[in-house]
């Protein structure tokens, strides 16, 4: 008998002597869609905050004030086409609004903030998804400026990833954002703002 055969024989004997136990059933998972609508929205706000993003919940008529507060301290903001003008009605008069006219990465880097709407919010993961439709702008807008203020309507928040995939158009480009951009080195020192905005501010409307 070769050394290989002897090793395999010992393994077989060990497995044969092992006590057979029935396979454990998979852990139970309460489907998110069994939660109340209020619970889904609460979970979304909680998970977004877990990523060190700021979450503000407000009514429709409070959005302009919430956006203005989020942009406080910013000298300039890029506004994508289709972003509701009413949401910027309460802004600082000194805030410079920049329309996206195919701004280069260098030009975007000179802008302090970006405002956008979203396509979907995911409660289980605290993720916002942009499909770059009206009010959301192209992908570069959500990656270059240091502050991203994103307005998400409560009706856009779904329970989990499968529900989000079902709600999104697969033919459209998508950007999935879970908190501000961050990475860690080998010593686990967290650095924010490396691959995208350093600060994410989510305004949840109608929750």
C-alpha atoms as a PDB file:
ATOM      1  CA  UNK A   1       0.000   0.000   0.000  1.00  0.00           C
ATOM      2  CA  UNK A   2       1.374   3.406  -0.970  1.00  0.00           C
ATOM      3  CA  UNK A   3       1.513   6.328   1.442  1.00  0.00           C
ATOM      4  CA  UNK A   4      -1.345   7.955  -0.463  1.00  0.00           C
ATOM      5  CA  UNK A   5      -3.538   4.898  -0.167  1.00  0.00           C
ATOM      6  CA  UNK A   6      -2.797   4.642   3.542  1.00  0.00           C
ATOM      7  CA  UNK A   7      -3.771   8.272   4.134  1.00  0.00           C
ATOM      8  CA  UNK A   8      -7.017   7.859   2.184  1.00  0.00           C
ATOM      9  CA  UNK A   9      -7.822   4.663   4.082  1.00  0.00           C
ATOM     10  CA  UNK A  10      -7.393   6.471   7.391  1.00  0.00           C
ATOM     11  CA  UNK A  11      -9.635   9.274   6.217  1.00  0.00           C
ATOM     12  CA  UNK A  12     -12.347   6.797   5.180  1.00  0.00           C
ATOM     13  CA  UNK A  13     -12.148   5.023   8.547  1.00  0.00           C
ATOM     14  CA  UNK A  14     -12.383   8.322  10.375  1.00  0.00           C
ATOM     15  CA  UNK A  15     -15.395   9.368   8.345  1.00  0.00           C
ATOM     16  CA  UNK A  16     -17.028   6.018   8.850  1.00  0.00           C
ATOM     17  CA  UNK A  17     -16.588   6.272  12.607  1.00  0.00           C
ATOM     18  CA  UNK A  18     -17.979   9.772  12.763  1.00  0.00           C
ATOM     19  CA  UNK A  19     -21.427  10.090  14.182  1.00  0.00           C
ATOM     20  CA  UNK A  20     -23.933  10.823  11.476  1.00  0.00           C
ATOM     21  CA  UNK A  21     -26.058  13.832  12.216  1.00  0.00           C
ATOM     22  CA  UNK A  22     -28.947  15.111  10.144  1.00  0.00           C
ATOM     23  CA  UNK A  23     -28.237  18.167   8.079  1.00  0.00           C
ATOM     24  CA  UNK A  24     -29.173  21.350   9.836  1.00  0.00           C
ATOM     25  CA  UNK A  25     -31.920  23.293   8.154  1.00  0.00           C
ATOM     26  CA  UNK A  26     -30.896  26.681   6.822  1.00  0.00           C
ATOM     27  CA  UNK A  27     -31.342  29.479   9.348  1.00  0.00           C
ATOM     28  CA  UNK A  28     -34.787  30.945   9.264  1.00  0.00           C
ATOM     29  CA  UNK A  29     -34.998  34.285   7.515  1.00  0.00           C
ATOM     30  CA  UNK A  30     -37.956  36.528   7.944  1.00  0.00           C
ATOM     31  CA  UNK A  31     -38.688  38.009   4.554  1.00  0.00           C
ATOM     32  CA  UNK A  32     -38.494  41.754   4.570  1.00  0.00           C
ATOM     33  CA  UNK A  33     -41.766  42.059   2.687  1.00  0.00           C
ATOM     34  CA  UNK A  34     -43.559  40.699   5.738  1.00  0.00           C
ATOM     35  CA  UNK A  35     -42.576  43.812   7.646  1.00  0.00           C
ATOM     36  CA  UNK A  36     -44.850  46.793   7.852  1.00  0.00           C
ATOM     37  CA  UNK A  37     -44.120  49.722   5.583  1.00  0.00           C
ATOM     38  CA  UNK A  38     -43.036  51.765   8.596  1.00  0.00           C
ATOM     39  CA  UNK A  39     -40.597  49.027   9.628  1.00  0.00           C
ATOM     40  CA  UNK A  40     -39.045  48.954   6.145  1.00  0.00           C
ATOM     41  CA  UNK A  41     -38.494  52.715   6.200  1.00  0.00           C
ATOM     42  CA  UNK A  42     -37.104  52.579   9.738  1.00  0.00           C
ATOM     43  CA  UNK A  43     -34.698  49.835   8.681  1.00  0.00           C
ATOM     44  CA  UNK A  44     -33.574  51.805   5.640  1.00  0.00           C
ATOM     45  CA  UNK A  45     -32.806  54.879   7.766  1.00  0.00           C
ATOM     46  CA  UNK A  46     -30.996  52.734  10.333  1.00  0.00           C
ATOM     47  CA  UNK A  47     -28.851  50.898   7.776  1.00  0.00           C
ATOM     48  CA  UNK A  48     -27.941  54.091   5.905  1.00  0.00           C
ATOM     49  CA  UNK A  49     -26.829  55.628   9.201  1.00  0.00           C
ATOM     50  CA  UNK A  50     -24.788  52.500   9.972  1.00  0.00           C
ATOM     51  CA  UNK A  51     -22.585  53.442   7.016  1.00  0.00           C
ATOM     52  CA  UNK A  52     -21.793  56.802   8.668  1.00  0.00           C
ATOM     53  CA  UNK A  53     -24.094  58.648   6.307  1.00  0.00           C
ATOM     54  CA  UNK A  54     -26.413  61.364   7.572  1.00  0.00           C
ATOM     55  CA  UNK A  55     -30.135  60.593   7.322  1.00  0.00           C
ATOM     56  CA  UNK A  56     -32.858  63.210   7.578  1.00  0.00           C
ATOM     57  CA  UNK A  57     -36.530  62.270   7.404  1.00  0.00           C
ATOM     58  CA  UNK A  58     -38.928  65.002   6.386  1.00  0.00           C
ATOM     59  CA  UNK A  59     -42.225  65.850   4.754  1.00  0.00           C
ATOM     60  CA  UNK A  60     -42.508  67.026   1.149  1.00  0.00           C
ATOM     61  CA  UNK A  61     -42.762  70.675   2.131  1.00  0.00           C
ATOM     62  CA  UNK A  62     -39.614  70.386   4.247  1.00  0.00           C
ATOM     63  CA  UNK A  63     -37.305  69.092   1.514  1.00  0.00           C
ATOM     64  CA  UNK A  64     -35.965  72.495   0.459  1.00  0.00           C
ATOM     65  CA  UNK A  65     -35.008  73.293   4.035  1.00  0.00           C
ATOM     66  CA  UNK A  66     -33.380  69.891   4.507  1.00  0.00           C
ATOM     67  CA  UNK A  67     -31.375  70.275   1.290  1.00  0.00           C
ATOM     68  CA  UNK A  68     -30.288  73.779   2.285  1.00  0.00           C
ATOM     69  CA  UNK A  69     -29.152  72.495   5.675  1.00  0.00           C
ATOM     70  CA  UNK A  70     -27.202  69.639   4.081  1.00  0.00           C
ATOM     71  CA  UNK A  71     -25.465  72.090   1.739  1.00  0.00           C
ATOM     72  CA  UNK A  72     -24.585  74.497   4.523  1.00  0.00           C
ATOM     73  CA  UNK A  73     -20.913  75.344   4.236  1.00  0.00           C
ATOM     74  CA  UNK A  74     -20.640  74.308   0.604  1.00  0.00           C
ATOM     75  CA  UNK A  75     -19.597  77.073  -1.747  1.00  0.00           C
ATOM     76  CA  UNK A  76     -20.798  75.382  -4.917  1.00  0.00           C
ATOM     77  CA  UNK A  77     -23.124  72.559  -5.933  1.00  0.00           C
ATOM     78  CA  UNK A  78     -23.600  70.803  -9.241  1.00  0.00           C
ATOM     79  CA  UNK A  79     -27.258  70.363 -10.149  1.00  0.00           C
ATOM     80  CA  UNK A  80     -28.118  67.612 -12.652  1.00  0.00           C
ATOM     81  CA  UNK A  81     -30.764  68.158 -15.280  1.00  0.00           C
ATOM     82  CA  UNK A  82     -34.213  67.305 -14.010  1.00  0.00           C
ATOM     83  CA  UNK A  83     -33.494  67.894 -10.319  1.00  0.00           C
ATOM     84  CA  UNK A  84     -36.642  69.543  -8.892  1.00  0.00           C
ATOM     85  CA  UNK A  85     -36.089  73.292  -8.672  1.00  0.00           C
ATOM     86  CA  UNK A  86     -38.391  73.460  -5.629  1.00  0.00           C
ATOM     87  CA  UNK A  87     -35.892  71.356  -3.669  1.00  0.00           C
ATOM     88  CA  UNK A  88     -33.329  74.154  -4.004  1.00  0.00           C
ATOM     89  CA  UNK A  89     -35.711  76.991  -3.150  1.00  0.00           C
ATOM     90  CA  UNK A  90     -34.366  77.369   0.367  1.00  0.00           C
ATOM     91  CA  UNK A  91     -30.697  77.485  -0.593  1.00  0.00           C
ATOM     92  CA  UNK A  92     -28.105  80.035   0.467  1.00  0.00           C
ATOM     93  CA  UNK A  93     -28.032  82.959  -1.944  1.00  0.00           C
ATOM     94  CA  UNK A  94     -24.223  82.753  -1.961  1.00  0.00           C
ATOM     95  CA  UNK A  95     -24.231  79.080  -2.987  1.00  0.00           C
ATOM     96  CA  UNK A  96     -22.988  78.820  -6.570  1.00  0.00           C
ATOM     97  CA  UNK A  97     -25.133  76.439  -8.602  1.00  0.00           C
ATOM     98  CA  UNK A  98     -23.349  74.669 -11.413  1.00  0.00           C
ATOM     99  CA  UNK A  99     -25.274  73.026 -14.244  1.00  0.00           C
ATOM    100  CA  UNK A 100     -23.735  69.850 -15.613  1.00  0.00           C
ATOM    101  CA  UNK A 101     -22.613  70.693 -19.120  1.00  0.00           C
ATOM    102  CA  UNK A 102     -20.339  67.689 -19.559  1.00  0.00           C
ATOM    103  CA  UNK A 103     -18.010  68.971 -16.873  1.00  0.00           C
ATOM    104  CA  UNK A 104     -14.630  67.274 -16.824  1.00  0.00           C
ATOM    105  CA  UNK A 105     -13.381  65.396 -13.760  1.00  0.00           C
ATOM    106  CA  UNK A 106     -11.074  68.324 -13.020  1.00  0.00           C
ATOM    107  CA  UNK A 107     -13.975  70.791 -13.211  1.00  0.00           C
ATOM    108  CA  UNK A 108     -16.135  68.561 -11.010  1.00  0.00           C
ATOM    109  CA  UNK A 109     -13.322  68.342  -8.483  1.00  0.00           C
ATOM    110  CA  UNK A 110     -13.602  72.091  -8.010  1.00  0.00           C
ATOM    111  CA  UNK A 111     -17.283  71.746  -7.034  1.00  0.00           C
ATOM    112  CA  UNK A 112     -17.999  71.162  -3.345  1.00  0.00           C
ATOM    113  CA  UNK A 113     -21.222  69.160  -3.597  1.00  0.00           C
ATOM    114  CA  UNK A 114     -23.779  67.471  -5.801  1.00  0.00           C
ATOM    115  CA  UNK A 115     -27.516  67.056  -5.277  1.00  0.00           C
ATOM    116  CA  UNK A 116     -29.512  64.253  -6.842  1.00  0.00           C
ATOM    117  CA  UNK A 117     -32.620  62.185  -6.611  1.00  0.00           C
ATOM    118  CA  UNK A 118     -32.488  58.366  -6.687  1.00  0.00           C
ATOM    119  CA  UNK A 119     -34.184  55.459  -8.394  1.00  0.00           C
ATOM    120  CA  UNK A 120     -34.417  53.015  -5.472  1.00  0.00           C
ATOM    121  CA  UNK A 121     -33.493  52.711  -1.804  1.00  0.00           C
ATOM    122  CA  UNK A 122     -32.851  49.265  -0.280  1.00  0.00           C
ATOM    123  CA  UNK A 123     -33.785  48.803   3.376  1.00  0.00           C
ATOM    124  CA  UNK A 124     -31.849  45.620   4.174  1.00  0.00           C
ATOM    125  CA  UNK A 125     -28.531  46.981   2.910  1.00  0.00           C
ATOM    126  CA  UNK A 126     -28.957  50.733   3.389  1.00  0.00           C
ATOM    127  CA  UNK A 127     -28.153  51.208  -0.284  1.00  0.00           C
ATOM    128  CA  UNK A 128     -29.331  53.911  -2.666  1.00  0.00           C
ATOM    129  CA  UNK A 129     -29.393  53.111  -6.375  1.00  0.00           C
ATOM    130  CA  UNK A 130     -29.102  55.686  -9.129  1.00  0.00           C
ATOM    131  CA  UNK A 131     -30.084  54.753 -12.674  1.00  0.00           C
ATOM    132  CA  UNK A 132     -29.015  58.199 -13.890  1.00  0.00           C
ATOM    133  CA  UNK A 133     -32.430  59.305 -15.039  1.00  0.00           C
ATOM    134  CA  UNK A 134     -33.779  62.870 -14.612  1.00  0.00           C
ATOM    135  CA  UNK A 135     -32.519  64.499 -11.433  1.00  0.00           C
ATOM    136  CA  UNK A 136     -29.726  61.951 -10.962  1.00  0.00           C
ATOM    137  CA  UNK A 137     -27.165  63.010 -13.528  1.00  0.00           C
ATOM    138  CA  UNK A 138     -24.350  60.954 -14.984  1.00  0.00           C
ATOM    139  CA  UNK A 139     -22.234  58.674 -12.856  1.00  0.00           C
ATOM    140  CA  UNK A 140     -19.289  61.055 -12.489  1.00  0.00           C
ATOM    141  CA  UNK A 141     -21.457  63.538 -10.614  1.00  0.00           C
ATOM    142  CA  UNK A 142     -21.976  61.111  -7.738  1.00  0.00           C
ATOM    143  CA  UNK A 143     -18.292  60.138  -7.593  1.00  0.00           C
ATOM    144  CA  UNK A 144     -16.198  63.303  -7.776  1.00  0.00           C
ATOM    145  CA  UNK A 145     -17.659  66.081  -5.543  1.00  0.00           C
ATOM    146  CA  UNK A 146     -16.867  65.644  -1.848  1.00  0.00           C
ATOM    147  CA  UNK A 147     -20.501  65.858  -0.670  1.00  0.00           C
ATOM    148  CA  UNK A 148     -23.454  63.998  -2.156  1.00  0.00           C
ATOM    149  CA  UNK A 149     -26.928  65.064  -1.047  1.00  0.00           C
ATOM    150  CA  UNK A 150     -29.464  62.504  -2.254  1.00  0.00           C
ATOM    151  CA  UNK A 151     -33.234  62.885  -2.017  1.00  0.00           C
ATOM    152  CA  UNK A 152     -35.075  59.560  -1.737  1.00  0.00           C
ATOM    153  CA  UNK A 153     -38.853  59.353  -1.629  1.00  0.00           C
ATOM    154  CA  UNK A 154     -40.336  56.822   0.776  1.00  0.00           C
ATOM    155  CA  UNK A 155     -42.227  55.163  -2.093  1.00  0.00           C
ATOM    156  CA  UNK A 156     -38.877  54.355  -3.701  1.00  0.00           C
ATOM    157  CA  UNK A 157     -37.649  52.329  -0.721  1.00  0.00           C
ATOM    158  CA  UNK A 158     -37.938  48.566  -1.169  1.00  0.00           C
ATOM    159  CA  UNK A 159     -37.288  45.834   1.358  1.00  0.00           C
ATOM    160  CA  UNK A 160     -34.353  43.948  -0.125  1.00  0.00           C
ATOM    161  CA  UNK A 161     -32.009  43.474  -3.073  1.00  0.00           C
ATOM    162  CA  UNK A 162     -34.288  41.131  -5.076  1.00  0.00           C
ATOM    163  CA  UNK A 163     -37.072  43.724  -4.842  1.00  0.00           C
ATOM    164  CA  UNK A 164     -34.657  46.406  -6.001  1.00  0.00           C
ATOM    165  CA  UNK A 165     -33.496  44.346  -8.970  1.00  0.00           C
ATOM    166  CA  UNK A 166     -37.115  43.748  -9.937  1.00  0.00           C
ATOM    167  CA  UNK A 167     -37.860  47.475  -9.763  1.00  0.00           C
ATOM    168  CA  UNK A 168     -34.852  48.574 -11.819  1.00  0.00           C
ATOM    169  CA  UNK A 169     -34.502  48.589 -15.585  1.00  0.00           C
ATOM    170  CA  UNK A 170     -31.539  46.310 -16.406  1.00  0.00           C
ATOM    171  CA  UNK A 171     -30.955  48.223 -19.635  1.00  0.00           C
ATOM    172  CA  UNK A 172     -30.118  51.408 -17.725  1.00  0.00           C
ATOM    173  CA  UNK A 173     -26.729  52.199 -16.152  1.00  0.00           C
ATOM    174  CA  UNK A 174     -26.773  51.837 -12.382  1.00  0.00           C
ATOM    175  CA  UNK A 175     -24.694  53.105  -9.486  1.00  0.00           C
ATOM    176  CA  UNK A 176     -25.219  51.389  -6.124  1.00  0.00           C
ATOM    177  CA  UNK A 177     -24.138  53.489  -3.144  1.00  0.00           C
ATOM    178  CA  UNK A 178     -23.838  52.138   0.396  1.00  0.00           C
ATOM    179  CA  UNK A 179     -22.587  55.016   2.505  1.00  0.00           C
ATOM    180  CA  UNK A 180     -19.770  57.454   1.746  1.00  0.00           C
ATOM    181  CA  UNK A 181     -16.745  56.174  -0.119  1.00  0.00           C
ATOM    182  CA  UNK A 182     -14.304  54.476   2.269  1.00  0.00           C
ATOM    183  CA  UNK A 183     -11.446  52.021   2.334  1.00  0.00           C
ATOM    184  CA  UNK A 184      -9.047  50.586   4.905  1.00  0.00           C
ATOM    185  CA  UNK A 185      -5.375  49.769   4.677  1.00  0.00           C
ATOM    186  CA  UNK A 186      -3.729  46.622   6.022  1.00  0.00           C
ATOM    187  CA  UNK A 187      -3.816  48.094   9.530  1.00  0.00           C
ATOM    188  CA  UNK A 188      -7.560  48.782   9.158  1.00  0.00           C
ATOM    189  CA  UNK A 189      -7.141  52.549   9.266  1.00  0.00           C
ATOM    190  CA  UNK A 190     -10.314  53.849   7.613  1.00  0.00           C
ATOM    191  CA  UNK A 191      -9.943  56.524   4.953  1.00  0.00           C
ATOM    192  CA  UNK A 192     -13.032  58.166   3.502  1.00  0.00           C
ATOM    193  CA  UNK A 193     -13.484  59.933   0.195  1.00  0.00           C
ATOM    194  CA  UNK A 194     -11.045  57.829  -1.810  1.00  0.00           C
ATOM    195  CA  UNK A 195     -13.302  56.464  -4.549  1.00  0.00           C
ATOM    196  CA  UNK A 196     -16.213  58.863  -4.224  1.00  0.00           C
ATOM    197  CA  UNK A 197     -17.841  61.417  -1.890  1.00  0.00           C
ATOM    198  CA  UNK A 198     -16.416  61.754   1.598  1.00  0.00           C
ATOM    199  CA  UNK A 199     -19.877  62.646   2.911  1.00  0.00           C
ATOM    200  CA  UNK A 200     -23.267  61.194   1.968  1.00  0.00           C
ATOM    201  CA  UNK A 201     -26.395  62.989   3.138  1.00  0.00           C
ATOM    202  CA  UNK A 202     -29.677  61.143   2.467  1.00  0.00           C
ATOM    203  CA  UNK A 203     -32.986  62.974   2.738  1.00  0.00           C
ATOM    204  CA  UNK A 204     -35.884  60.534   3.093  1.00  0.00           C
ATOM    205  CA  UNK A 205     -39.106  62.237   2.038  1.00  0.00           C
ATOM    206  CA  UNK A 206     -42.572  61.304   3.258  1.00  0.00           C
ATOM    207  CA  UNK A 207     -41.436  58.906   5.967  1.00  0.00           C
END
